């Protein structure tokens, strides 16, 4: 146990306003099963009509090492904070992001890095305002939302990095363009235990994304030529770039003539793809592609998904305009073998590929030299012009061979089939399942979390 972790436990036990419970309330850890889908009204004019041929096995092995990143988390209410006789839930979260490396030569999957976050979450600032008194905290434990605090970067040779933190869920994790946090929990919300647990649960999910992005950023510095495959979408990660490194704060917006950040954006997104096994939004025009067997079908990512609807602290992320989404079926031949999976969309996955992963840096920089590529809408949001969309299409056509190569790398992992639930074995890559199992071996059980303070 680290000294900081012991300080956190002693603070929880020694604070007279904190009432601890070994019973607790936790998430249900639901298994990802059949996913309900929602149609997105896009027509073929929103798609990028490219002919991509999927091959199994790969005609030739990739020369680069592959790195797989995944994250997992668990949370539990471990007690309550008594503020003027109002009991406010205190939530403990255990969040893990890890990576394994598949060597190009011997095809051995090796553990590479694990980041473990143990965090106590409660609405500190709102409680302080309500009771007109400051809550003293252990001096050596940073508050994640404090702009001056360090996040989760640690360029060490350790296999496992552990971080002990406190999260103030009174306001958003991310900042808006003016550098401000938006308040989430108000004075009148303190009696609503359900809302506080919901905000804490959302914060745990966001922190897992930040932890995954920090791991991606760290490994990118060490393995510049390796292809990194993330479990999940790329777009939602990007808005947290400023939380990982202060020098990346402006990367998500890419202002005009900002050559420094344009290059940083390329370095961040180059050779990175996301594999989404839980597809929720499906373009209407995909029905024709499925019926004709014309998959994969490719769209721009932010035409398919708007992550900002339920995101806790949405940052303007113009950078997501340059992510492509390819829909394909990984193991279509097994679809009829799985009794629970009887939907036409069963086995559908989405592969998110940044434009920076299929073009050269010089082409990326040249693209942003065109002032006609973007404009502002009625609300002041930056949007792509028709000219900008056409330029993206031209670049995608030019990088079509690289795009096909990346999709075939994903497709090459259709076998072996991971040992999983009937639905997940249609959509999950075997190496990512291995990373997930490795992460779960580090995850605290519900019972360990319930007795965390006393362990």
Protein backbone atom coordinates (compact mmCIF):
# COMPACT_ATOMS: atom_id res chain seq x y z
CA UNK A 1 0.00 0.00 0.00
CA UNK A 2 1.36 3.44 -0.90
CA UNK A 3 1.70 6.21 1.67
CA UNK A 4 -0.93 8.28 -0.15
CA UNK A 5 -3.40 5.41 -0.10
CA UNK A 6 -2.92 4.97 3.64
CA UNK A 7 -3.51 8.73 4.10
CA UNK A 8 -6.78 8.45 2.16
CA UNK A 9 -8.01 5.57 4.33
CA UNK A 10 -7.04 7.36 7.53
CA UNK A 11 -8.86 10.48 6.36
CA UNK A 12 -12.04 8.51 5.66
CA UNK A 13 -11.88 6.73 9.01
CA UNK A 14 -10.89 9.79 11.03
CA UNK A 15 -13.36 12.32 9.59
CA UNK A 16 -16.26 12.63 12.02
CA UNK A 17 -18.57 13.76 9.21
CA UNK A 18 -17.99 10.53 7.28
CA UNK A 19 -20.17 7.53 8.05
CA UNK A 20 -18.77 4.33 6.55
CA UNK A 21 -20.72 1.26 5.49
CA UNK A 22 -19.51 -2.22 4.61
CA UNK A 23 -22.80 -3.04 2.88
CA UNK A 24 -22.58 -0.52 0.09
CA UNK A 25 -24.34 -0.17 -3.21
CA UNK A 26 -22.61 -1.09 -6.43
CA UNK A 27 -23.13 -1.36 -10.12
CA UNK A 28 -24.44 -4.64 -11.47
CA UNK A 29 -21.43 -5.23 -13.73
CA UNK A 30 -23.78 -6.12 -16.60
CA UNK A 31 -22.43 -8.37 -19.30
CA UNK A 32 -22.58 -6.76 -22.73
CA UNK A 33 -25.17 -8.78 -24.59
CA UNK A 34 -27.54 -7.98 -27.41
CA UNK A 35 -27.35 -4.29 -28.17
CA UNK A 36 -30.40 -2.23 -29.10
CA UNK A 37 -29.69 -0.01 -32.09
CA UNK A 38 -31.00 3.37 -33.13
CA UNK A 39 -31.27 4.50 -36.73
CA UNK A 40 -29.51 7.67 -37.81
CA UNK A 41 -31.12 9.34 -40.81
CA UNK A 42 -28.16 9.58 -43.15
CA UNK A 43 -28.39 8.99 -46.86
CA UNK A 44 -25.71 7.88 -49.29
CA UNK A 45 -24.53 11.45 -49.77
CA UNK A 46 -23.16 11.25 -46.22
CA UNK A 47 -21.17 8.10 -46.94
CA UNK A 48 -17.77 7.77 -48.56
CA UNK A 49 -18.34 5.35 -51.41
CA UNK A 50 -15.16 3.30 -51.51
CA UNK A 51 -14.68 -0.30 -52.53
CA UNK A 52 -12.87 -2.03 -49.67
CA UNK A 53 -12.08 -5.73 -49.98
CA UNK A 54 -11.70 -7.68 -46.74
CA UNK A 55 -9.38 -10.67 -46.83
CA UNK A 56 -8.75 -13.47 -44.34
CA UNK A 57 -6.05 -14.34 -43.61
CA UNK A 58 -3.96 -11.29 -44.44
CA UNK A 59 -2.13 -11.68 -47.77
CA UNK A 60 1.03 -10.59 -45.98
CA UNK A 61 1.81 -10.05 -42.33
CA UNK A 62 2.05 -6.52 -41.00
CA UNK A 63 5.61 -5.39 -40.30
CA UNK A 64 4.72 -3.26 -37.30
CA UNK A 65 4.03 -4.30 -33.75
CA UNK A 66 0.41 -3.94 -32.64
CA UNK A 67 -0.62 -2.50 -29.28
CA UNK A 68 -4.08 -3.17 -27.82
CA UNK A 69 -5.55 -0.86 -25.16
CA UNK A 70 -8.64 -1.48 -23.06
CA UNK A 71 -10.10 -0.20 -19.82
CA UNK A 72 -12.43 -1.44 -17.12
CA UNK A 73 -13.92 -0.03 -13.94
CA UNK A 74 -16.05 -0.73 -10.91
CA UNK A 75 -17.59 1.58 -8.33
CA UNK A 76 -19.31 1.26 -4.98
CA UNK A 77 -20.88 3.54 -2.38
CA UNK A 78 -18.72 3.06 0.71
CA UNK A 79 -20.36 5.55 3.04
CA UNK A 80 -21.84 9.01 3.34
CA UNK A 81 -20.78 12.51 4.32
CA UNK A 82 -22.95 14.18 6.95
CA UNK A 83 -23.51 17.82 6.01
CA UNK A 84 -25.91 19.60 8.37
CA UNK A 85 -27.72 16.28 8.97
CA UNK A 86 -27.96 15.60 5.21
CA UNK A 87 -26.26 12.32 4.26
CA UNK A 88 -24.40 12.63 0.95
CA UNK A 89 -23.10 9.40 -0.68
CA UNK A 90 -19.36 8.83 -0.91
CA UNK A 91 -18.42 6.65 -3.88
CA UNK A 92 -15.21 4.69 -4.32
CA UNK A 93 -14.07 3.87 -7.85
CA UNK A 94 -11.46 1.45 -9.11
CA UNK A 95 -10.49 2.25 -12.71
CA UNK A 96 -7.91 0.44 -14.81
CA UNK A 97 -6.46 0.96 -18.28
CA UNK A 98 -3.97 -1.48 -19.73
CA UNK A 99 -2.09 -2.37 -22.87
CA UNK A 100 -0.61 -5.51 -24.39
CA UNK A 101 1.78 -5.71 -27.32
CA UNK A 102 1.65 -8.18 -30.18
CA UNK A 103 5.13 -8.54 -31.63
CA UNK A 104 5.34 -8.49 -35.42
CA UNK A 105 7.85 -11.32 -35.50
CA UNK A 106 6.76 -14.12 -33.17
CA UNK A 107 3.13 -13.01 -32.71
CA UNK A 108 3.40 -13.24 -28.93
CA UNK A 109 0.96 -11.10 -26.94
CA UNK A 110 2.84 -9.56 -24.02
CA UNK A 111 1.69 -7.34 -21.10
CA UNK A 112 2.99 -3.83 -21.64
CA UNK A 113 1.54 -1.37 -19.13
CA UNK A 114 -1.23 -0.99 -16.54
CA UNK A 115 -2.54 2.22 -15.01
CA UNK A 116 -4.65 1.79 -11.87
CA UNK A 117 -6.71 4.61 -10.39
CA UNK A 118 -8.31 4.43 -6.95
CA UNK A 119 -10.55 7.42 -6.44
CA UNK A 120 -13.01 8.71 -3.85
CA UNK A 121 -15.85 10.71 -5.43
CA UNK A 122 -18.21 13.15 -3.68
CA UNK A 123 -19.51 16.72 -4.29
CA UNK A 124 -16.92 18.48 -2.12
CA UNK A 125 -17.44 22.07 -3.28
CA UNK A 126 -21.24 21.86 -3.09
CA UNK A 127 -21.07 20.46 0.45
CA UNK A 128 -18.64 23.21 1.48
CA UNK A 129 -20.96 25.91 0.12
CA UNK A 130 -23.95 24.29 1.84
CA UNK A 131 -22.37 24.05 5.29
CA UNK A 132 -20.22 27.19 4.92
CA UNK A 133 -17.12 25.29 5.98
CA UNK A 134 -14.06 23.95 4.20
CA UNK A 135 -13.57 20.17 4.15
CA UNK A 136 -9.92 19.46 5.02
CA UNK A 137 -8.35 16.83 2.78
CA UNK A 138 -5.14 14.79 2.99
CA UNK A 139 -2.38 17.12 1.70
CA UNK A 140 -0.68 14.54 -0.52
CA UNK A 141 -3.76 13.46 -2.49
CA UNK A 142 -4.62 15.66 -5.50
CA UNK A 143 -8.14 16.56 -6.54
CA UNK A 144 -8.51 15.51 -10.17
CA UNK A 145 -10.56 18.58 -11.15
CA UNK A 146 -7.94 20.97 -9.76
CA UNK A 147 -6.24 22.52 -12.79
CA UNK A 148 -2.92 22.59 -10.95
CA UNK A 149 -2.98 18.88 -10.11
CA UNK A 150 -1.10 16.26 -12.06
CA UNK A 151 -3.22 13.79 -13.95
CA UNK A 152 -2.15 10.27 -14.87
CA UNK A 153 1.08 10.70 -16.81
CA UNK A 154 4.08 8.76 -15.57
CA UNK A 155 6.76 7.94 -18.12
CA UNK A 156 8.21 5.13 -16.04
CA UNK A 157 9.45 1.65 -16.79
CA UNK A 158 7.05 0.18 -14.25
CA UNK A 159 4.62 -2.43 -15.48
CA UNK A 160 1.99 -1.05 -13.08
CA UNK A 161 1.39 2.62 -12.18
CA UNK A 162 -1.08 3.33 -9.35
CA UNK A 163 -2.73 6.69 -8.71
CA UNK A 164 -4.67 7.70 -5.58
CA UNK A 165 -7.01 10.64 -6.16
CA UNK A 166 -10.11 12.48 -4.97
CA UNK A 167 -12.74 13.61 -7.48
CA UNK A 168 -15.02 16.55 -6.77
CA UNK A 169 -18.17 15.75 -8.73
CA UNK A 170 -19.71 19.15 -7.92
CA UNK A 171 -18.74 20.25 -11.42
CA UNK A 172 -17.61 18.85 -14.75
CA UNK A 173 -14.33 17.09 -15.30
CA UNK A 174 -13.60 18.84 -18.59
CA UNK A 175 -13.42 22.57 -19.17
CA UNK A 176 -15.15 24.60 -21.84
CA UNK A 177 -13.28 26.83 -24.26
CA UNK A 178 -13.04 29.63 -21.70
CA UNK A 179 -11.44 27.26 -19.19
CA UNK A 180 -14.46 27.01 -16.89
CA UNK A 181 -16.07 23.97 -15.28
CA UNK A 182 -19.86 23.66 -15.40
CA UNK A 183 -21.64 22.94 -12.12
CA UNK A 184 -23.35 19.54 -11.90
CA UNK A 185 -24.47 19.18 -8.28
CA UNK A 186 -26.34 22.07 -6.67
CA UNK A 187 -27.31 22.64 -3.04
CA UNK A 188 -30.79 21.18 -3.52
CA UNK A 189 -29.30 18.04 -5.11
CA UNK A 190 -27.56 16.97 -1.92
CA UNK A 191 -30.70 15.16 -0.71
CA UNK A 192 -30.93 13.28 -4.02
CA UNK A 193 -28.71 10.26 -3.46
CA UNK A 194 -29.74 8.79 -6.80
CA UNK A 195 -28.52 11.81 -8.76
CA UNK A 196 -25.22 11.89 -6.89
CA UNK A 197 -24.64 8.20 -7.59
CA UNK A 198 -25.51 8.77 -11.25
CA UNK A 199 -23.06 11.67 -11.57
CA UNK A 200 -20.39 9.60 -9.80
CA UNK A 201 -21.00 6.68 -12.16
CA UNK A 202 -20.67 8.97 -15.19
CA UNK A 203 -17.47 10.43 -13.73
CA UNK A 204 -16.01 6.94 -13.34
CA UNK A 205 -16.69 6.31 -17.05
CA UNK A 206 -15.09 9.62 -18.00
CA UNK A 207 -12.05 8.95 -15.83
CA UNK A 208 -11.64 5.60 -17.54
CA UNK A 209 -11.52 7.40 -20.89
CA UNK A 210 -8.95 9.86 -19.56
CA UNK A 211 -6.86 6.98 -18.19
CA UNK A 212 -7.03 5.19 -21.55
CA UNK A 213 -6.05 8.36 -23.40
CA UNK A 214 -3.14 9.02 -21.05
CA UNK A 215 -1.94 5.47 -21.68
CA UNK A 216 -2.30 5.97 -25.44
CA UNK A 217 -0.39 9.26 -25.28
CA UNK A 218 2.38 7.77 -23.16
CA UNK A 219 2.81 4.69 -25.36
CA UNK A 220 2.75 6.81 -28.51
CA UNK A 221 5.91 8.58 -27.28
CA UNK A 222 7.62 5.23 -26.70
CA UNK A 223 6.36 3.25 -29.71
CA UNK A 224 6.04 5.76 -32.53
CA UNK A 225 5.68 3.22 -35.34
CA UNK A 226 3.32 0.75 -33.66
CA UNK A 227 -0.35 0.60 -34.63
CA UNK A 228 -2.51 1.12 -31.53
CA UNK A 229 -5.97 -0.49 -31.44
CA UNK A 230 -8.32 0.92 -28.82
CA UNK A 231 -11.35 -0.92 -27.50
CA UNK A 232 -14.11 1.61 -28.14
CA UNK A 233 -14.58 4.83 -30.10
CA UNK A 234 -11.80 7.34 -30.71
CA UNK A 235 -13.95 10.49 -30.89
CA UNK A 236 -15.06 10.68 -27.23
CA UNK A 237 -11.45 10.36 -26.08
CA UNK A 238 -10.24 13.41 -27.97
CA UNK A 239 -12.10 16.00 -25.91
CA UNK A 240 -10.11 14.93 -22.83
CA UNK A 241 -6.73 15.58 -24.47
CA UNK A 242 -6.22 18.74 -22.41
CA UNK A 243 -6.63 16.75 -19.20
CA UNK A 244 -3.83 14.39 -20.23
CA UNK A 245 -1.36 17.09 -21.22
CA UNK A 246 -1.86 20.84 -20.82
CA UNK A 247 -0.11 21.34 -24.16
CA UNK A 248 -2.89 19.42 -25.91
CA UNK A 249 -5.72 21.70 -24.76
CA UNK A 250 -5.96 23.57 -28.04
CA UNK A 251 -5.42 20.50 -30.20
CA UNK A 252 -9.11 19.53 -30.08
CA UNK A 253 -10.11 22.83 -31.69
CA UNK A 254 -7.36 23.36 -34.30
CA UNK A 255 -7.55 27.09 -34.87
CA UNK A 256 -6.56 28.64 -38.18
CA UNK A 257 -2.85 28.88 -38.95
CA UNK A 258 -1.99 26.99 -35.77
CA UNK A 259 0.76 24.87 -37.29
CA UNK A 260 2.10 23.67 -33.94
CA UNK A 261 -1.21 22.18 -32.80
CA UNK A 262 -1.95 20.83 -36.28
CA UNK A 263 1.24 18.76 -36.05
CA UNK A 264 0.43 17.69 -32.48
CA UNK A 265 -3.01 16.54 -33.61
CA UNK A 266 -1.44 14.43 -36.33
CA UNK A 267 1.04 12.86 -33.91
CA UNK A 268 -1.79 12.06 -31.48
CA UNK A 269 -4.09 10.45 -34.06
CA UNK A 270 -1.60 8.82 -36.42
CA UNK A 271 -1.56 5.01 -36.34
CA UNK A 272 -4.50 4.82 -33.92
CA UNK A 273 -7.82 3.09 -34.56
CA UNK A 274 -10.81 2.26 -32.37
CA UNK A 275 -12.85 -0.94 -32.58
CA UNK A 276 -16.44 -0.52 -31.33
CA UNK A 277 -18.22 -3.78 -30.56
CA UNK A 278 -21.30 -2.10 -29.10
CA UNK A 279 -22.82 -0.27 -32.06
CA UNK A 280 -25.77 1.86 -30.96
CA UNK A 281 -26.36 4.25 -33.87
CA UNK A 282 -26.71 2.80 -37.36
CA UNK A 283 -27.12 4.87 -40.56
CA UNK A 284 -30.35 4.14 -42.42
CA UNK A 285 -28.45 3.71 -45.68
CA UNK A 286 -26.61 0.76 -44.14
CA UNK A 287 -29.61 -1.47 -44.90
CA UNK A 288 -28.77 -1.48 -48.60
CA UNK A 289 -25.14 -2.31 -47.89
CA UNK A 290 -26.12 -5.22 -45.63
CA UNK A 291 -28.69 -6.64 -48.06
CA UNK A 292 -26.24 -6.47 -50.96
CA UNK A 293 -23.27 -7.68 -48.93
CA UNK A 294 -21.53 -4.39 -49.70
CA UNK A 295 -19.65 -4.00 -46.41
CA UNK A 296 -17.66 -2.27 -45.08
CA UNK A 297 -19.42 1.06 -45.55
CA UNK A 298 -17.65 4.22 -44.48
CA UNK A 299 -18.92 7.49 -43.00
CA UNK A 300 -17.47 10.47 -41.21
CA UNK A 301 -17.62 9.75 -37.48
CA UNK A 302 -19.44 12.86 -36.27
CA UNK A 303 -22.17 12.27 -38.84
CA UNK A 304 -22.91 8.99 -37.08
CA UNK A 305 -22.40 9.87 -33.41
CA UNK A 306 -22.91 12.98 -31.31
CA UNK A 307 -21.22 12.11 -28.05
CA UNK A 308 -22.09 15.50 -26.58
CA UNK A 309 -25.76 14.71 -25.88
CA UNK A 310 -25.13 12.78 -22.69
CA UNK A 311 -21.53 13.78 -22.07
CA UNK A 312 -21.01 15.38 -18.70
CA UNK A 313 -18.64 18.12 -19.81
CA UNK A 314 -18.60 18.54 -23.55
CA UNK A 315 -15.64 20.38 -25.01
CA UNK A 316 -15.81 21.72 -28.54
CA UNK A 317 -14.01 18.99 -30.45
CA UNK A 318 -13.66 20.09 -34.04
CA UNK A 319 -10.96 17.45 -34.41
CA UNK A 320 -13.58 14.68 -34.49
CA UNK A 321 -14.63 15.90 -37.95
CA UNK A 322 -11.57 14.05 -39.24
CA UNK A 323 -12.43 10.56 -38.03
CA UNK A 324 -13.84 7.92 -40.38
CA UNK A 325 -16.21 5.16 -39.28
CA UNK A 326 -16.36 1.86 -41.14
CA UNK A 327 -19.20 -0.60 -40.45
CA UNK A 328 -18.48 -4.27 -41.07
CA UNK A 329 -19.31 -7.75 -39.80
CA UNK A 330 -16.42 -9.56 -38.19
CA UNK A 331 -17.81 -13.11 -38.04
CA UNK A 332 -20.91 -13.05 -40.22
CA UNK A 333 -20.61 -16.77 -40.96
CA UNK A 334 -21.30 -17.51 -37.27
CA UNK A 335 -24.36 -15.29 -36.99
CA UNK A 336 -26.88 -18.08 -37.57
CA UNK A 337 -25.04 -20.33 -35.11
CA UNK A 338 -25.77 -18.00 -32.19
CA UNK A 339 -29.35 -18.41 -31.02
CA UNK A 340 -29.54 -15.11 -29.04
CA UNK A 341 -28.21 -13.15 -32.01
CA UNK A 342 -30.97 -13.17 -34.59
CA UNK A 343 -30.97 -9.53 -35.69
CA UNK A 344 -29.79 -8.40 -39.12
CA UNK A 345 -27.39 -6.13 -37.26
CA UNK A 346 -25.97 -8.88 -35.06
CA UNK A 347 -22.22 -9.08 -35.32
CA UNK A 348 -21.91 -5.52 -36.66
CA UNK A 349 -18.85 -3.62 -35.48
CA UNK A 350 -17.63 -0.10 -36.17
CA UNK A 351 -13.98 0.72 -36.80
CA UNK A 352 -13.05 4.36 -36.17
CA UNK A 353 -10.03 5.48 -38.18
CA UNK A 354 -8.65 9.02 -37.91
CA UNK A 355 -7.83 10.66 -41.21
CA UNK A 356 -4.31 11.15 -39.84
CA UNK A 357 -3.84 7.36 -39.86
CA UNK A 358 -4.21 7.05 -43.64
CA UNK A 359 -2.37 10.14 -44.93
CA UNK A 360 1.12 11.60 -44.55
CA UNK A 361 1.85 14.46 -42.18
CA UNK A 362 2.61 16.77 -45.12
CA UNK A 363 -0.85 16.08 -46.59
CA UNK A 364 -2.45 16.70 -43.18
CA UNK A 365 -0.68 20.05 -42.77
CA UNK A 366 -1.46 21.03 -46.36
CA UNK A 367 -5.16 20.26 -45.84
CA UNK A 368 -5.42 22.78 -42.99
CA UNK A 369 -3.84 25.48 -45.12
CA UNK A 370 -7.15 25.78 -47.02
CA UNK A 371 -9.19 28.46 -45.27
CA UNK A 372 -12.34 27.39 -47.15
CA UNK A 373 -12.62 24.03 -45.36
CA UNK A 374 -14.58 25.31 -42.35
CA UNK A 375 -17.17 27.86 -41.35
CA UNK A 376 -19.42 28.69 -38.37
CA UNK A 377 -23.09 27.82 -37.94
CA UNK A 378 -25.80 30.02 -36.40
CA UNK A 379 -24.68 29.03 -32.89
CA UNK A 380 -21.04 29.82 -33.54
CA UNK A 381 -19.97 26.19 -33.78
CA UNK A 382 -17.24 25.36 -36.27
CA UNK A 383 -18.49 23.17 -39.12
CA UNK A 384 -17.05 21.79 -42.33
CA UNK A 385 -17.99 23.48 -45.58
CA UNK A 386 -18.95 21.53 -48.71
CA UNK A 387 -15.47 22.30 -49.96
CA UNK A 388 -13.98 20.88 -46.76
CA UNK A 389 -16.02 17.69 -47.06
CA UNK A 390 -14.91 17.26 -50.66
CA UNK A 391 -11.26 17.73 -49.68
CA UNK A 392 -11.67 15.03 -47.01
CA UNK A 393 -13.20 12.70 -49.58
CA UNK A 394 -10.29 13.34 -51.94
CA UNK A 395 -7.81 12.52 -49.17
CA UNK A 396 -9.71 9.36 -48.24
CA UNK A 397 -9.68 8.20 -51.87
CA UNK A 398 -5.96 8.92 -52.04
CA UNK A 399 -5.38 7.02 -48.80
CA UNK A 400 -7.75 4.20 -49.75
CA UNK A 401 -4.99 1.59 -49.86
CA UNK A 402 -3.90 2.43 -46.31
CA UNK A 403 -7.53 2.46 -45.15
CA UNK A 404 -8.05 -0.99 -46.64
CA UNK A 405 -4.85 -2.21 -44.96
CA UNK A 406 -6.02 -1.03 -41.52
CA UNK A 407 -9.47 -2.58 -41.91
CA UNK A 408 -7.91 -5.86 -42.96
CA UNK A 409 -5.68 -5.85 -39.88
CA UNK A 410 -8.84 -5.66 -37.77
CA UNK A 411 -10.51 -8.32 -39.92
CA UNK A 412 -7.51 -10.61 -39.51
CA UNK A 413 -8.47 -11.08 -35.86
CA UNK A 414 -11.80 -12.75 -36.66
CA UNK A 415 -10.06 -15.95 -35.52
CA UNK A 416 -9.43 -17.30 -32.97
CA UNK A 417 -12.83 -16.68 -31.44
CA UNK A 418 -12.61 -15.42 -27.84
CA UNK A 419 -14.34 -17.43 -25.15
CA UNK A 420 -17.17 -15.10 -24.28
CA UNK A 421 -20.93 -14.65 -24.30
CA UNK A 422 -22.93 -15.68 -27.42
CA UNK A 423 -23.16 -12.10 -28.63
CA UNK A 424 -19.69 -10.86 -27.78
CA UNK A 425 -18.00 -13.73 -29.56
CA UNK A 426 -19.40 -12.28 -32.79
CA UNK A 427 -17.85 -8.85 -32.31
CA UNK A 428 -14.83 -9.01 -30.01
CA UNK A 429 -11.20 -9.20 -31.09
CA UNK A 430 -9.28 -11.96 -29.34
CA UNK A 431 -6.32 -9.73 -28.28
CA UNK A 432 -8.66 -7.12 -26.81
CA UNK A 433 -10.46 -9.85 -24.85
CA UNK A 434 -7.05 -10.91 -23.49
CA UNK A 435 -6.31 -7.33 -22.41
CA UNK A 436 -9.75 -7.09 -20.78
CA UNK A 437 -9.20 -10.30 -18.83
CA UNK A 438 -5.79 -9.04 -17.73
CA UNK A 439 -7.37 -5.78 -16.56
CA UNK A 440 -10.07 -7.58 -14.62
CA UNK A 441 -7.41 -9.59 -12.80
CA UNK A 442 -6.23 -6.27 -11.32
CA UNK A 443 -9.74 -5.02 -10.54
CA UNK A 444 -10.86 -5.02 -6.93
CA UNK A 445 -13.88 -7.20 -6.15
CA UNK A 446 -17.08 -5.64 -4.82
CA UNK A 447 -16.31 -7.10 -1.42
CA UNK A 448 -12.78 -5.66 -1.38
CA UNK A 449 -14.22 -2.27 -2.28
CA UNK A 450 -16.87 -2.45 0.43
CA UNK A 451 -14.17 -3.04 3.06
CA UNK A 452 -11.56 -0.84 1.37
CA UNK A 453 -11.05 1.54 4.28
CA UNK A 454 -10.52 -1.31 6.73
CA UNK A 455 -8.20 -3.43 4.58
